[in-house]
Amino acid sequence: MADLGIARINQEASVNGTLTRADLADTVHRKLGLSRAESANVVERILHHMCAALAHGQNVKISGFGSFILRDKGQRVGRNPKTGVEVPIAPRRVMTFRASQIMRDRIARG
C-alpha cells in the first residue's frame, strides 16, 4: 500500500503530540503539490464525506486503517453511584472505532 508518507506523519505532528486537520492538510500540500487552500479543502471534504456517511447510518471502513462502526444501544437501567438510585438510560446510537490489523501492528512496533 502506497502511503505517500502519511504513515510517518506522526513524526511531523504538532508539538503536543496530536495530529490535527492542519497537519493533514500540510502533508497533502507537501506530498501532492496542491496549494495550501486546495489541500485544506481536500481534507475537509474527506472528513465531511465520512461524517455524512455516519450521520446517515453507514459504517465507514478505510482499508489498512480501521472501521468506524455504528451501534444502537437499547434502553437500560443505570445506578447513581453516590445515592444508589436507579436511573433509566435512554436508547442511543454510538460510534466505535476498530483499528485494522495493519494499524495495530504499526502501533505495537512503535
C-alpha atoms as a PDB file:
ATOM      1  CA  MET A   1       0.000   0.000   0.000  1.00  0.00           C
ATOM      2  CA  ALA A   2       1.497   3.334  -1.024  1.00  0.00           C
ATOM      3  CA  ASP A   3       1.094   5.681   1.898  1.00  0.00           C
ATOM      4  CA  LEU A   4       2.625   8.839   0.385  1.00  0.00           C
ATOM      5  CA  GLY A   5       4.492   9.297   3.640  1.00  0.00           C
ATOM      6  CA  ILE A   6       1.255   9.691   5.576  1.00  0.00           C
ATOM      7  CA  ALA A   7       2.095   6.691   7.800  1.00  0.00           C
ATOM      8  CA  ARG A   8       5.072   8.700   9.075  1.00  0.00           C
ATOM      9  CA  ILE A   9       3.071  11.884   9.608  1.00  0.00           C
ATOM     10  CA  ASN A  10       3.103  11.462  13.390  1.00  0.00           C
ATOM     11  CA  GLN A  11       6.788  12.407  13.341  1.00  0.00           C
ATOM     12  CA  GLU A  12       5.781  15.778  11.936  1.00  0.00           C
ATOM     13  CA  ALA A  13       2.641  16.311  14.036  1.00  0.00           C
ATOM     14  CA  SER A  14       2.117  19.220  16.349  1.00  0.00           C
ATOM     15  CA  VAL A  15       4.419  19.620  19.320  1.00  0.00           C
ATOM     16  CA  ASN A  16       1.717  18.425  21.726  1.00  0.00           C
ATOM     17  CA  GLY A  17       1.605  15.008  20.041  1.00  0.00           C
ATOM     18  CA  THR A  18      -1.816  15.476  18.447  1.00  0.00           C
ATOM     19  CA  LEU A  19      -2.364  15.159  14.718  1.00  0.00           C
ATOM     20  CA  THR A  20      -4.638  17.971  13.513  1.00  0.00           C
ATOM     21  CA  ARG A  21      -6.501  18.842  10.324  1.00  0.00           C
ATOM     22  CA  ALA A  22      -3.822  21.425   9.619  1.00  0.00           C
ATOM     23  CA  ASP A  23      -1.124  18.729   9.892  1.00  0.00           C
ATOM     24  CA  LEU A  24      -3.018  16.548   7.424  1.00  0.00           C
ATOM     25  CA  ALA A  25      -3.538  19.457   5.029  1.00  0.00           C
ATOM     26  CA  ASP A  26       0.160  20.349   5.257  1.00  0.00           C
ATOM     27  CA  THR A  27       1.146  16.775   4.400  1.00  0.00           C
ATOM     28  CA  VAL A  28      -1.232  16.751   1.412  1.00  0.00           C
ATOM     29  CA  HIS A  29       0.279  20.080   0.324  1.00  0.00           C
ATOM     30  CA  ARG A  30       3.869  18.782   0.527  1.00  0.00           C
ATOM     31  CA  LYS A  31       3.310  15.278  -0.886  1.00  0.00           C
ATOM     32  CA  LEU A  32       0.840  16.072  -3.682  1.00  0.00           C
ATOM     33  CA  GLY A  33       1.889  19.611  -4.562  1.00  0.00           C
ATOM     34  CA  LEU A  34      -1.568  21.124  -4.177  1.00  0.00           C
ATOM     35  CA  SER A  35      -1.892  24.664  -2.886  1.00  0.00           C
ATOM     36  CA  ARG A  36      -2.429  25.041   0.856  1.00  0.00           C
ATOM     37  CA  ALA A  37      -6.052  26.078   0.264  1.00  0.00           C
ATOM     38  CA  GLU A  38      -6.705  23.128  -2.041  1.00  0.00           C
ATOM     39  CA  SER A  39      -5.046  20.757   0.436  1.00  0.00           C
ATOM     40  CA  ALA A  40      -7.177  22.040   3.307  1.00  0.00           C
ATOM     41  CA  ASN A  41     -10.260  21.713   1.102  1.00  0.00           C
ATOM     42  CA  VAL A  42      -9.403  18.076   0.239  1.00  0.00           C
ATOM     43  CA  VAL A  43      -9.014  17.188   3.923  1.00  0.00           C
ATOM     44  CA  GLU A  44     -12.272  18.962   4.825  1.00  0.00           C
ATOM     45  CA  ARG A  45     -14.179  17.234   2.006  1.00  0.00           C
ATOM     46  CA  ILE A  46     -12.942  13.794   3.051  1.00  0.00           C
ATOM     47  CA  LEU A  47     -13.873  14.397   6.693  1.00  0.00           C
ATOM     48  CA  HIS A  48     -17.239  15.847   5.686  1.00  0.00           C
ATOM     49  CA  HIS A  49     -17.991  12.828   3.497  1.00  0.00           C
ATOM     50  CA  MET A  50     -17.096  10.450   6.344  1.00  0.00           C
ATOM     51  CA  CYS A  51     -19.269  12.385   8.829  1.00  0.00           C
ATOM     52  CA  ALA A  52     -22.195  12.491   6.394  1.00  0.00           C
ATOM     53  CA  ALA A  53     -21.999   8.730   5.843  1.00  0.00           C
ATOM     54  CA  LEU A  54     -22.000   8.093   9.598  1.00  0.00           C
ATOM     55  CA  ALA A  55     -24.880  10.544  10.107  1.00  0.00           C
ATOM     56  CA  HIS A  56     -26.895   8.577   7.524  1.00  0.00           C
ATOM     57  CA  GLY A  57     -26.289   5.306   9.382  1.00  0.00           C
ATOM     58  CA  GLN A  58     -23.463   3.928   7.239  1.00  0.00           C
ATOM     59  CA  ASN A  59     -20.303   2.418   8.681  1.00  0.00           C
ATOM     60  CA  VAL A  60     -17.003   3.784   7.331  1.00  0.00           C
ATOM     61  CA  LYS A  61     -14.178   1.387   6.541  1.00  0.00           C
ATOM     62  CA  ILE A  62     -10.742   2.610   5.473  1.00  0.00           C
ATOM     63  CA  SER A  63      -8.561  -0.266   4.322  1.00  0.00           C
ATOM     64  CA  GLY A  64      -5.326  -0.537   6.284  1.00  0.00           C
ATOM     65  CA  PHE A  65      -6.548   1.982   8.867  1.00  0.00           C
ATOM     66  CA  GLY A  66      -9.755   0.807  10.524  1.00  0.00           C
ATOM     67  CA  SER A  67     -13.533   0.955  10.694  1.00  0.00           C
ATOM     68  CA  PHE A  68     -15.926   3.424  12.269  1.00  0.00           C
ATOM     69  CA  ILE A  69     -18.899   1.298  13.308  1.00  0.00           C
ATOM     70  CA  LEU A  70     -22.324   2.485  14.452  1.00  0.00           C
ATOM     71  CA  ARG A  71     -24.175   0.546  17.145  1.00  0.00           C
ATOM     72  CA  ASP A  72     -27.646   1.058  18.540  1.00  0.00           C
ATOM     73  CA  LYS A  73     -27.723   0.582  22.300  1.00  0.00           C
ATOM     74  CA  GLY A  74     -31.025  -0.208  23.917  1.00  0.00           C
ATOM     75  CA  GLN A  75     -32.532   1.394  26.984  1.00  0.00           C
ATOM     76  CA  ARG A  76     -31.138   0.120  30.254  1.00  0.00           C
ATOM     77  CA  VAL A  77     -31.219   0.858  33.926  1.00  0.00           C
ATOM     78  CA  GLY A  78     -28.207   2.569  35.450  1.00  0.00           C
ATOM     79  CA  ARG A  79     -27.431   3.455  39.015  1.00  0.00           C
ATOM     80  CA  ASN A  80     -26.286   6.746  40.514  1.00  0.00           C
ATOM     81  CA  PRO A  81     -23.033   5.725  42.249  1.00  0.00           C
ATOM     82  CA  LYS A  82     -23.454   8.328  45.016  1.00  0.00           C
ATOM     83  CA  THR A  83     -27.047   7.670  46.003  1.00  0.00           C
ATOM     84  CA  GLY A  84     -27.672   4.189  44.595  1.00  0.00           C
ATOM     85  CA  VAL A  85     -30.876   5.416  42.944  1.00  0.00           C
ATOM     86  CA  GLU A  86     -31.773   3.586  39.728  1.00  0.00           C
ATOM     87  CA  VAL A  87     -31.966   5.834  36.679  1.00  0.00           C
ATOM     88  CA  PRO A  88     -33.192   4.843  33.203  1.00  0.00           C
ATOM     89  CA  ILE A  89     -30.597   5.399  30.463  1.00  0.00           C
ATOM     90  CA  ALA A  90     -32.235   6.254  27.122  1.00  0.00           C
ATOM     91  CA  PRO A  91     -31.508   4.237  23.982  1.00  0.00           C
ATOM     92  CA  ARG A  92     -28.872   5.815  21.788  1.00  0.00           C
ATOM     93  CA  ARG A  93     -26.607   5.303  18.818  1.00  0.00           C
ATOM     94  CA  VAL A  94     -22.881   5.178  19.482  1.00  0.00           C
ATOM     95  CA  MET A  95     -19.863   5.102  17.215  1.00  0.00           C
ATOM     96  CA  THR A  96     -16.878   2.884  17.859  1.00  0.00           C
ATOM     97  CA  PHE A  97     -13.559   2.633  16.077  1.00  0.00           C
ATOM     98  CA  ARG A  98     -11.842  -0.656  15.401  1.00  0.00           C
ATOM     99  CA  ALA A  99      -8.276  -0.392  14.139  1.00  0.00           C
ATOM    100  CA  SER A 100      -7.244  -2.713  11.304  1.00  0.00           C
ATOM    101  CA  GLN A 101      -4.679  -5.420  11.934  1.00  0.00           C
ATOM    102  CA  ILE A 102      -2.146  -3.411   9.905  1.00  0.00           C
ATOM    103  CA  MET A 103      -2.701  -0.371  12.149  1.00  0.00           C
ATOM    104  CA  ARG A 104      -2.480  -2.473  15.325  1.00  0.00           C
ATOM    105  CA  ASP A 105       0.793  -3.967  14.131  1.00  0.00           C
ATOM    106  CA  ARG A 106       2.222  -0.490  13.365  1.00  0.00           C
ATOM    107  CA  ILE A 107       1.230   0.774  16.808  1.00  0.00           C
ATOM    108  CA  ALA A 108       2.706  -2.271  18.522  1.00  0.00           C
ATOM    109  CA  ARG A 109       6.033  -1.735  16.714  1.00  0.00           C
ATOM    110  CA  GLY A 110       6.096   1.869  17.871  1.00  0.00           C
END
